[in-house]
Amino acid sequence: MTRNILIALLRNDLRLHDHPILHLCSDPTPSNAQFQQPMTHVLPVYLIVPLEEKARPQFAKTRQLGLWRTGVHRTKFINQSRFDLKQSLRSIGSDLSIFAGTPEAVVPGLIKGIRDCGDTVEAVYLGREVNTEEVDVQKRLDAVLGQLQCPIKLFEGKSLIHSTDLPFPVEQLPDVFTHFRKQVERPDMFREPVQAPSKLNPFPKDVSIPDSSGVFSLSTKKEEVVEKHLLKPLLEEPALGHNELLSKVFNESTGQVNVAHSAFPYKGGETEALKQLDHYFAGGKRSPGATYKETRNEMLGADYSTKFAAALAHGLLSPRLIAQKASELDQATGTANAKGGGYWIIFELLWRDYFYFVGCKFGWHLFTLGGIEEVLSPESARSKAYDWKHSNSLSDQKDPFVRWPTVKTGVPMIDANMVELVQTGFMSNRGRQNVASFLTKDLGWNWRYGAEFFESWLVDYDPRRCR
């Protein structure tokens, strides 16, 4: 019997619950309108893009400072997350194929292998991303699949409010958050999250790709083995000479990074994220969520804020599930609107959505030196053009900029926050505001230096929202 296999390419959507693609693949009798022909198998795939590509040797490093774009803490967190998902998929009769390689190399190889066995490929499904580099990946993959006459379909799962539910086209997104919020904020503004599937269509165990130049299968490797290999180049070449700080959390004998005592004490993975979610909303008026408005700007402890940012950035939690729990909390505690902690959690999810749609609207302009003001008001942007400072040498410990990331500014609050970031991958919201303002407003350094440092070190880095 000829199999019709759907390839589910997973990226920043490492969960089972409220997952549009996996939900579709869990329907035992899906509508024929959804597929070209009845779908018999689903192949979940995750790709680790090589740190160094011969064609694009700069890909693994940031443009301004040449830092590792994914540092040790986020590397560890994502690795935990993908293996957690692999285990979850196995528990419902499926699995996760993990490869090192680019989408345009791995996916065509899978398609060829499937077709060589006499089977067909229904399509390649993946979650939609909206920022420049992620969109470029989608375009390159679309071009390759077009040559193979294989359909590609993108699904939305990142935002609280689905783009088609907005009261305006994304191109007409208000340029002020408050205007956006007032137009979308209503009791039914987000769709109800769907349950995690209890079973998926069968996993085609025989489908793989032989190791070759630029493509390697990691599906049978153990989590700790993959982590050790991924961390090796990052630890051998630590960003801006952070050997001393990293040595306090790095176990040389095992090759593992053990996060220091942290205000973010969570492992990667949907399993841990769901426990974190339950904890934050459990206890009614005594729950951490009930006092979110009053505590959210603190800097010490695990419960003063939600700490959901990392889970949201990597798709371990659905924003709709968080919003549903937040609404239920306010109902249970008899609070409403601005009086409830749940309301303010949803308020912050709307901020998150706003920047998601800003990314849709403005694309690469987000990352230029003058930002989106160059589009909104070019004359104003020119008049406000700062004479940003640039570093002469990142290896010079006396360089004024280098003192900021190497915790040698001499300002205790700034240095303490930077130590926390380097040793744990986390920094509080207030801490981020303080160190960013110190770098750009007080010292006048190029804001993209700070943005790249955050990109390298933050566990919860997200190009749509870390600006």
Protein backbone atom coordinates (compact mmCIF):
# COMPACT_ATOMS: atom_id res chain seq x y z
CA MET A 1 0.00 0.00 0.00
CA THR A 2 1.35 3.40 -1.00
CA ARG A 3 1.81 5.71 1.96
CA ASN A 4 1.03 9.43 1.79
CA ILE A 5 3.40 11.11 4.25
CA LEU A 6 3.11 14.62 5.64
CA ILE A 7 6.37 16.25 6.79
CA ALA A 8 5.87 18.49 9.85
CA LEU A 9 8.93 20.75 10.07
CA LEU A 10 9.05 22.06 13.65
CA ARG A 11 10.99 25.18 14.59
CA ASN A 12 9.91 27.49 17.42
CA ASP A 13 6.81 25.42 18.22
CA LEU A 14 8.16 22.62 20.42
CA ARG A 15 4.93 21.51 22.09
CA LEU A 16 1.95 19.19 21.67
CA HIS A 17 -0.84 21.38 23.08
CA ASP A 18 -2.54 24.02 20.92
CA HIS A 19 -0.34 23.10 17.97
CA PRO A 20 -2.18 23.71 14.67
CA ILE A 21 -0.11 21.23 12.66
CA LEU A 22 -0.09 18.37 15.16
CA HIS A 23 -3.78 18.92 15.90
CA LEU A 24 -4.54 18.49 12.20
CA CYS A 25 -2.40 15.34 12.11
CA SER A 26 -4.22 13.83 15.08
CA ASP A 27 -7.64 13.70 13.41
CA PRO A 28 -8.33 10.03 12.57
CA THR A 29 -10.73 11.06 9.78
CA PRO A 30 -9.47 14.40 8.49
CA SER A 31 -11.50 16.23 5.91
CA ASN A 32 -10.39 15.39 2.40
CA ALA A 33 -10.49 19.12 1.71
CA GLN A 34 -7.40 19.51 3.90
CA PHE A 35 -5.26 17.12 1.89
CA GLN A 36 -4.53 16.22 -1.72
CA GLN A 37 -5.23 12.60 -0.82
CA PRO A 38 -5.79 10.76 2.49
CA MET A 39 -2.77 11.32 4.74
CA THR A 40 -1.52 8.03 6.20
CA HIS A 41 1.66 9.02 8.09
CA VAL A 42 3.20 12.12 9.65
CA LEU A 43 6.94 12.73 9.98
CA PRO A 44 7.81 15.36 12.64
CA VAL A 45 11.26 16.82 11.90
CA TYR A 46 13.54 19.24 13.75
CA LEU A 47 16.67 20.73 12.20
CA ILE A 48 19.77 22.01 13.95
CA VAL A 49 21.27 24.42 11.45
CA PRO A 50 25.07 23.96 11.45
CA LEU A 51 26.98 26.59 13.40
CA GLU A 52 29.34 27.13 10.53
CA GLU A 53 28.25 26.85 6.92
CA LYS A 54 30.94 27.01 4.26
CA ALA A 55 28.74 29.15 2.04
CA ARG A 56 27.82 31.49 4.89
CA PRO A 57 30.62 31.37 7.49
CA GLN A 58 29.20 34.43 9.26
CA PHE A 59 25.83 32.78 9.88
CA ALA A 60 26.62 31.65 13.43
CA LYS A 61 27.96 35.04 14.52
CA THR A 62 26.32 38.42 15.02
CA ARG A 63 26.98 41.13 12.42
CA GLN A 64 28.33 43.93 14.63
CA LEU A 65 30.32 42.16 17.34
CA GLY A 66 30.84 38.66 15.97
CA LEU A 67 29.30 36.98 19.03
CA TRP A 68 27.79 33.50 18.96
CA ARG A 69 24.18 34.13 18.02
CA THR A 70 22.97 31.30 20.25
CA GLY A 71 25.02 31.19 23.42
CA VAL A 72 25.52 28.40 25.93
CA HIS A 73 22.37 28.88 27.99
CA ARG A 74 19.90 29.02 25.10
CA THR A 75 21.68 26.16 23.36
CA LYS A 76 21.19 24.00 26.46
CA PHE A 77 17.56 25.11 26.90
CA ILE A 78 16.59 24.40 23.29
CA ASN A 79 18.32 21.02 23.37
CA GLN A 80 16.34 20.07 26.47
CA SER A 81 13.17 21.25 24.74
CA ARG A 82 13.57 19.22 21.57
CA PHE A 83 14.37 16.02 23.48
CA ASP A 84 11.40 16.64 25.77
CA LEU A 85 9.21 16.92 22.67
CA LYS A 86 10.77 13.77 21.25
CA GLN A 87 9.78 11.89 24.40
CA SER A 88 6.27 13.37 24.34
CA LEU A 89 5.78 12.36 20.72
CA ARG A 90 6.95 8.84 21.51
CA SER A 91 4.35 8.64 24.28
CA ILE A 92 1.58 9.08 21.69
CA GLY A 93 3.01 6.65 19.16
CA SER A 94 5.09 9.06 17.09
CA ASP A 95 8.67 10.35 17.24
CA LEU A 96 10.88 13.29 16.27
CA SER A 97 13.54 12.99 13.57
CA ILE A 98 16.44 15.32 14.38
CA PHE A 99 19.01 16.34 11.77
CA ALA A 100 21.91 18.75 11.55
CA GLY A 101 21.60 20.57 8.27
CA THR A 102 19.81 23.37 6.46
CA PRO A 103 16.12 23.03 5.52
CA GLU A 104 16.95 23.30 1.82
CA ALA A 105 19.34 20.34 2.16
CA VAL A 106 17.48 18.06 4.59
CA VAL A 107 13.86 18.38 3.45
CA PRO A 108 14.52 17.61 -0.24
CA GLY A 109 16.57 14.61 0.89
CA LEU A 110 13.62 13.32 2.92
CA ILE A 111 11.26 13.85 0.00
CA LYS A 112 13.58 11.97 -2.34
CA GLY A 113 13.89 9.09 0.13
CA ILE A 114 10.12 8.85 0.51
CA ARG A 115 9.49 8.90 -3.23
CA ASP A 116 12.27 6.40 -3.93
CA CYS A 117 10.35 3.94 -1.73
CA GLY A 118 7.27 4.36 -3.92
CA ASP A 119 5.44 6.58 -1.42
CA THR A 120 4.12 10.11 -1.84
CA VAL A 121 4.65 13.33 0.10
CA GLU A 122 1.44 15.15 0.97
CA ALA A 123 3.17 18.44 1.77
CA VAL A 124 5.62 20.13 4.11
CA TYR A 125 3.90 21.95 6.99
CA LEU A 126 5.68 24.45 9.22
CA GLY A 127 4.91 27.31 11.57
CA ARG A 128 4.95 30.80 10.10
CA GLU A 129 7.71 33.18 11.18
CA VAL A 130 7.65 36.87 10.33
CA ASN A 131 11.12 38.38 10.72
CA THR A 132 13.70 38.78 8.01
CA GLU A 133 16.02 35.80 8.41
CA GLU A 134 13.21 33.40 9.32
CA VAL A 135 11.21 34.53 6.30
CA ASP A 136 14.31 34.03 4.12
CA VAL A 137 14.43 30.40 5.30
CA GLN A 138 10.79 29.97 4.30
CA LYS A 139 11.45 31.52 0.87
CA ARG A 140 14.49 29.34 0.17
CA LEU A 141 12.59 26.22 1.20
CA ASP A 142 9.59 27.24 -0.90
CA ALA A 143 11.82 27.66 -3.95
CA VAL A 144 13.42 24.24 -3.51
CA LEU A 145 10.09 22.50 -2.90
CA GLY A 146 8.62 24.24 -5.93
CA GLN A 147 11.23 22.51 -8.09
CA LEU A 148 10.20 19.20 -6.52
CA GLN A 149 6.50 19.97 -7.00
CA CYS A 150 5.90 19.55 -3.29
CA PRO A 151 3.43 21.93 -1.59
CA ILE A 152 4.45 23.95 1.45
CA LYS A 153 1.92 25.31 3.93
CA LEU A 154 2.50 27.78 6.77
CA PHE A 155 0.48 27.79 9.99
CA GLU A 156 0.09 30.50 12.61
CA GLY A 157 0.72 29.57 16.22
CA LYS A 158 2.93 32.30 17.70
CA SER A 159 0.45 35.04 18.55
CA LEU A 160 -2.41 35.32 21.02
CA ILE A 161 -4.69 36.83 18.39
CA HIS A 162 -4.74 35.15 14.98
CA SER A 163 -3.89 37.62 12.22
CA THR A 164 -7.18 36.92 10.42
CA ASP A 165 -9.07 37.89 13.60
CA LEU A 166 -7.58 41.39 13.72
CA PRO A 167 -10.09 44.20 13.03
CA PHE A 168 -7.70 45.60 10.41
CA PRO A 169 -5.15 44.31 7.87
CA VAL A 170 -1.66 43.87 9.33
CA GLU A 171 -0.47 46.58 6.93
CA GLN A 172 -2.74 49.02 8.79
CA LEU A 173 -1.46 48.09 12.26
CA PRO A 174 -1.58 51.20 14.48
CA ASP A 175 1.81 52.75 15.14
CA VAL A 176 0.97 53.17 18.85
CA PHE A 177 0.38 50.17 21.13
CA THR A 178 -2.52 51.75 23.04
CA HIS A 179 -4.42 52.29 19.79
CA PHE A 180 -3.82 48.64 18.89
CA ARG A 181 -4.92 47.40 22.32
CA LYS A 182 -8.14 49.40 22.36
CA GLN A 183 -9.14 47.97 18.98
CA VAL A 184 -8.46 44.31 19.80
CA GLU A 185 -9.16 44.05 23.54
CA ARG A 186 -12.42 42.20 24.12
CA PRO A 187 -13.52 39.00 25.93
CA ASP A 188 -13.47 36.89 22.75
CA MET A 189 -10.30 38.33 21.23
CA PHE A 190 -8.43 35.00 21.15
CA ARG A 191 -9.45 31.55 19.99
CA GLU A 192 -9.83 28.74 22.50
CA PRO A 193 -6.65 26.61 22.67
CA VAL A 194 -6.95 23.03 21.46
CA GLN A 195 -5.94 20.04 23.54
CA ALA A 196 -2.73 18.10 23.01
CA PRO A 197 -3.32 15.10 20.72
CA SER A 198 -3.56 11.69 22.36
CA LYS A 199 -2.39 10.02 19.16
CA LEU A 200 -0.92 11.01 15.81
CA ASN A 201 -0.98 9.34 12.44
CA PRO A 202 1.77 6.67 12.34
CA PHE A 203 5.43 7.69 12.29
CA PRO A 204 7.32 6.34 9.22
CA LYS A 205 10.29 4.77 11.00
CA ASP A 206 12.10 3.81 7.82
CA VAL A 207 12.34 7.37 6.43
CA SER A 208 15.71 9.03 6.93
CA ILE A 209 18.71 10.41 5.07
CA PRO A 210 22.19 8.89 5.03
CA ASP A 211 24.85 11.14 6.53
CA SER A 212 26.56 13.19 3.86
CA SER A 213 28.31 16.50 3.42
CA GLY A 214 26.30 19.01 5.41
CA VAL A 215 23.57 16.61 6.61
CA PHE A 216 23.77 14.41 9.71
CA SER A 217 21.09 12.42 11.51
CA LEU A 218 20.98 12.93 15.29
CA SER A 219 17.76 11.01 15.90
CA THR A 220 19.47 8.15 17.74
CA LYS A 221 21.90 10.30 19.74
CA LYS A 222 21.36 10.84 23.46
CA GLU A 223 20.45 14.29 24.75
CA GLU A 224 23.65 14.79 26.73
CA VAL A 225 25.81 13.74 23.75
CA VAL A 226 24.15 16.27 21.44
CA GLU A 227 24.41 18.98 24.09
CA LYS A 228 28.12 18.36 24.63
CA HIS A 229 28.88 18.65 20.91
CA LEU A 230 26.76 21.79 20.50
CA LEU A 231 28.39 23.51 23.47
CA LYS A 232 31.96 22.61 22.52
CA PRO A 233 32.68 25.49 20.08
CA LEU A 234 30.85 27.99 22.30
CA LEU A 235 32.95 27.11 25.32
CA GLU A 236 36.20 26.99 23.37
CA GLU A 237 35.58 30.51 22.09
CA PRO A 238 33.57 32.31 24.79
CA ALA A 239 32.12 35.68 23.82
CA LEU A 240 34.19 38.69 24.91
CA GLY A 241 36.44 36.53 27.07
CA HIS A 242 33.89 35.35 29.61
CA ASN A 243 36.11 32.44 30.67
CA GLU A 244 36.13 33.42 34.35
CA LEU A 245 32.36 33.89 34.60
CA LEU A 246 31.56 30.74 32.63
CA SER A 247 34.02 28.63 34.60
CA LYS A 248 31.72 28.98 37.61
CA VAL A 249 28.91 27.14 35.82
CA PHE A 250 30.86 24.84 33.46
CA ASN A 251 31.76 21.28 34.47
CA GLU A 252 34.91 20.53 32.47
CA SER A 253 34.86 16.78 33.18
CA THR A 254 31.35 16.30 31.74
CA GLY A 255 31.33 19.14 29.22
CA GLN A 256 28.02 20.33 30.70
CA VAL A 257 26.86 23.80 31.69
CA ASN A 258 25.14 23.82 35.09
CA VAL A 259 23.12 26.99 35.53
CA ALA A 260 23.96 28.93 38.68
CA HIS A 261 21.31 29.66 41.31
CA SER A 262 18.85 31.70 39.32
CA ALA A 263 15.58 33.62 39.36
CA PHE A 264 14.81 31.44 36.33
CA PRO A 265 15.20 27.88 37.72
CA TYR A 266 13.51 26.08 34.82
CA LYS A 267 14.65 23.44 32.34
CA GLY A 268 13.67 23.50 28.71
CA GLY A 269 10.69 21.56 27.41
CA GLU A 270 6.91 21.63 27.30
CA THR A 271 6.69 19.29 30.30
CA GLU A 272 8.54 21.72 32.56
CA ALA A 273 6.71 24.72 31.08
CA LEU A 274 3.29 23.22 31.84
CA LYS A 275 4.36 22.58 35.45
CA GLN A 276 5.52 26.18 35.64
CA LEU A 277 2.15 27.33 34.25
CA ASP A 278 0.18 25.29 36.77
CA HIS A 279 2.30 26.57 39.65
CA TYR A 280 1.88 30.21 38.68
CA PHE A 281 -1.90 30.06 38.55
CA ALA A 282 -2.54 27.59 41.39
CA GLY A 283 -3.89 28.80 44.72
CA GLY A 284 -6.48 31.38 43.74
CA LYS A 285 -5.80 34.68 45.51
CA ARG A 286 -2.61 33.20 46.96
CA SER A 287 -1.21 32.26 43.56
CA PRO A 288 1.76 34.19 42.14
CA GLY A 289 -0.46 35.19 39.21
CA ALA A 290 -2.95 36.96 41.47
CA THR A 291 -0.32 39.50 42.55
CA TYR A 292 1.40 39.85 39.17
CA LYS A 293 0.56 43.55 38.77
CA GLU A 294 2.15 44.43 42.12
CA THR A 295 5.27 42.26 41.80
CA ARG A 296 6.10 42.20 38.07
CA ASN A 297 8.82 44.88 38.27
CA GLU A 298 10.82 43.24 41.03
CA MET A 299 14.23 41.71 40.37
CA LEU A 300 14.75 38.82 42.81
CA GLY A 301 12.99 35.47 43.14
CA ALA A 302 11.22 32.97 40.92
CA ASP A 303 7.59 34.14 41.24
CA TYR A 304 7.64 37.94 41.02
CA SER A 305 6.92 37.66 37.29
CA THR A 306 5.58 34.86 35.09
CA LYS A 307 8.94 33.79 33.61
CA PHE A 308 6.95 32.52 30.61
CA ALA A 309 9.09 34.41 28.06
CA ALA A 310 11.47 31.53 27.31
CA ALA A 311 8.62 29.06 26.92
CA LEU A 312 6.84 31.47 24.58
CA ALA A 313 9.96 32.23 22.54
CA HIS A 314 10.54 28.55 21.77
CA GLY A 315 6.90 27.55 21.53
CA LEU A 316 6.77 25.44 24.70
CA LEU A 317 3.62 27.25 25.82
CA SER A 318 0.79 28.59 23.72
CA PRO A 319 -0.06 32.24 24.45
CA ARG A 320 -3.72 31.26 24.18
CA LEU A 321 -3.36 28.68 26.94
CA ILE A 322 -1.67 31.26 29.18
CA ALA A 323 -4.43 33.79 28.47
CA GLN A 324 -7.10 31.18 29.17
CA LYS A 325 -5.51 30.36 32.54
CA ALA A 326 -5.18 34.06 33.35
CA SER A 327 -8.85 34.69 32.57
CA GLU A 328 -9.89 31.71 34.70
CA LEU A 329 -7.80 33.07 37.59
CA ASP A 330 -9.58 36.44 37.55
CA GLN A 331 -12.95 34.70 37.39
CA ALA A 332 -12.05 32.46 40.33
CA THR A 333 -10.81 35.37 42.45
CA GLY A 334 -13.71 37.66 41.57
CA THR A 335 -11.49 40.33 40.05
CA ALA A 336 -12.08 41.98 36.72
CA ASN A 337 -10.30 44.21 34.23
CA ALA A 338 -7.41 46.21 35.71
CA LYS A 339 -8.01 44.83 39.21
CA GLY A 340 -7.02 41.27 38.35
CA GLY A 341 -3.52 39.86 38.03
CA GLY A 342 -4.71 37.78 35.09
CA TYR A 343 -5.77 40.90 33.21
CA TRP A 344 -2.25 42.30 33.40
CA ILE A 345 -0.73 39.04 32.20
CA ILE A 346 -2.99 39.19 29.14
CA PHE A 347 -2.05 42.86 28.79
CA GLU A 348 1.60 41.83 28.44
CA LEU A 349 0.65 39.11 25.95
CA LEU A 350 -0.95 41.87 23.88
CA TRP A 351 2.34 43.78 24.00
CA ARG A 352 3.99 40.60 22.73
CA ASP A 353 1.43 40.33 19.94
CA TYR A 354 1.91 43.96 19.03
CA PHE A 355 5.62 43.49 18.38
CA TYR A 356 4.86 40.29 16.48
CA PHE A 357 2.64 42.25 14.11
CA VAL A 358 5.13 45.13 14.02
CA GLY A 359 7.58 42.54 12.70
CA CYS A 360 5.02 41.52 10.07
CA LYS A 361 4.51 45.12 9.03
CA PHE A 362 8.04 46.52 9.04
CA GLY A 363 10.26 43.48 8.43
CA TRP A 364 13.98 44.25 8.19
CA HIS A 365 13.50 47.91 9.15
CA LEU A 366 13.35 46.77 12.78
CA PHE A 367 17.06 46.04 12.69
CA THR A 368 18.43 49.16 11.01
CA LEU A 369 20.29 51.69 13.13
CA GLY A 370 17.42 54.18 12.94
CA GLY A 371 14.69 51.57 13.37
CA ILE A 372 11.11 51.85 12.12
CA GLU A 373 11.11 55.63 12.51
CA GLU A 374 13.03 55.68 9.23
CA VAL A 375 9.81 54.39 7.67
CA LEU A 376 7.26 56.25 9.80
CA SER A 377 8.96 59.64 9.69
CA PRO A 378 12.18 59.78 7.65
CA GLU A 379 12.76 63.48 8.32
CA SER A 380 12.34 62.99 12.06
CA ALA A 381 14.67 59.99 11.94
CA ARG A 382 17.35 62.05 10.20
CA SER A 383 17.01 64.88 12.70
CA LYS A 384 17.36 62.42 15.58
CA ALA A 385 20.30 60.55 14.10
CA TYR A 386 22.66 59.90 16.99
CA ASP A 387 26.41 59.94 16.71
CA TRP A 388 26.59 56.41 18.10
CA LYS A 389 29.92 55.29 19.52
CA HIS A 390 31.62 52.19 18.13
CA SER A 391 34.20 49.98 19.77
CA ASN A 392 37.77 49.99 18.47
CA SER A 393 38.74 46.58 19.84
CA LEU A 394 36.68 43.92 21.60
CA SER A 395 39.87 42.35 22.93
CA ASP A 396 40.93 45.53 24.73
CA GLN A 397 39.72 45.27 28.33
CA LYS A 398 40.20 49.04 28.70
CA ASP A 399 37.84 49.80 25.80
CA PRO A 400 34.86 51.63 27.37
CA PHE A 401 32.32 49.38 25.63
CA VAL A 402 34.05 46.13 26.65
CA ARG A 403 33.65 47.08 30.31
CA TRP A 404 29.84 46.80 29.92
CA PRO A 405 29.59 43.11 28.91
CA THR A 406 32.58 42.06 31.02
CA VAL A 407 30.96 43.49 34.20
CA LYS A 408 33.65 46.10 34.83
CA THR A 409 31.64 49.32 34.61
CA GLY A 410 32.10 50.00 38.31
CA VAL A 411 28.35 50.58 38.70
CA PRO A 412 27.16 47.81 41.07
CA MET A 413 23.58 47.56 39.75
CA ILE A 414 24.74 47.29 36.14
CA ASP A 415 27.52 44.81 36.84
CA ALA A 416 25.29 42.61 39.04
CA ASN A 417 22.67 42.32 36.30
CA MET A 418 25.30 41.45 33.70
CA VAL A 419 26.77 38.74 35.96
CA GLU A 420 23.28 37.26 36.33
CA LEU A 421 22.83 37.23 32.55
CA VAL A 422 26.17 35.57 31.76
CA GLN A 423 25.91 32.93 34.48
CA THR A 424 22.20 32.08 34.12
CA GLY A 425 20.90 33.30 30.75
CA PHE A 426 18.27 35.40 32.52
CA MET A 427 17.84 39.03 33.54
CA SER A 428 14.76 40.73 34.97
CA ASN A 429 12.71 43.18 32.92
CA ARG A 430 13.89 46.07 35.10
CA GLY A 431 17.46 44.85 34.82
CA ARG A 432 17.26 44.83 31.03
CA GLN A 433 15.88 48.35 30.97
CA ASN A 434 18.63 49.57 33.29
CA VAL A 435 21.61 48.00 31.50
CA ALA A 436 20.26 48.97 28.06
CA SER A 437 19.64 52.56 29.12
CA PHE A 438 23.09 52.75 30.70
CA LEU A 439 24.75 51.51 27.50
CA THR A 440 22.83 53.66 25.02
CA LYS A 441 21.59 56.73 26.87
CA ASP A 442 24.34 57.27 29.44
CA LEU A 443 27.32 56.00 27.44
CA GLY A 444 26.02 56.57 23.89
CA TRP A 445 27.09 53.22 22.42
CA ASN A 446 25.52 51.72 19.30
CA TRP A 447 22.26 50.10 20.50
CA ARG A 448 22.83 47.11 18.24
CA TYR A 449 25.88 46.15 20.32
CA GLY A 450 23.59 45.63 23.29
CA ALA A 451 20.96 43.89 21.18
CA GLU A 452 23.52 41.40 19.90
CA PHE A 453 24.82 40.71 23.39
CA PHE A 454 21.27 39.99 24.55
CA GLU A 455 20.76 37.75 21.50
CA SER A 456 23.81 35.72 22.42
CA TRP A 457 23.12 35.28 26.14
CA LEU A 458 19.37 35.38 26.80
CA VAL A 459 17.52 32.07 27.11
CA ASP A 460 14.30 33.85 26.12
CA TYR A 461 15.71 35.78 23.16
CA ASP A 462 13.10 36.36 20.47
CA PRO A 463 13.83 38.56 17.42
CA ARG A 464 10.26 39.86 17.48
CA ARG A 465 10.45 41.18 21.00
CA CYS A 466 14.08 41.61 22.15
CA ARG A 467 14.82 45.06 20.84
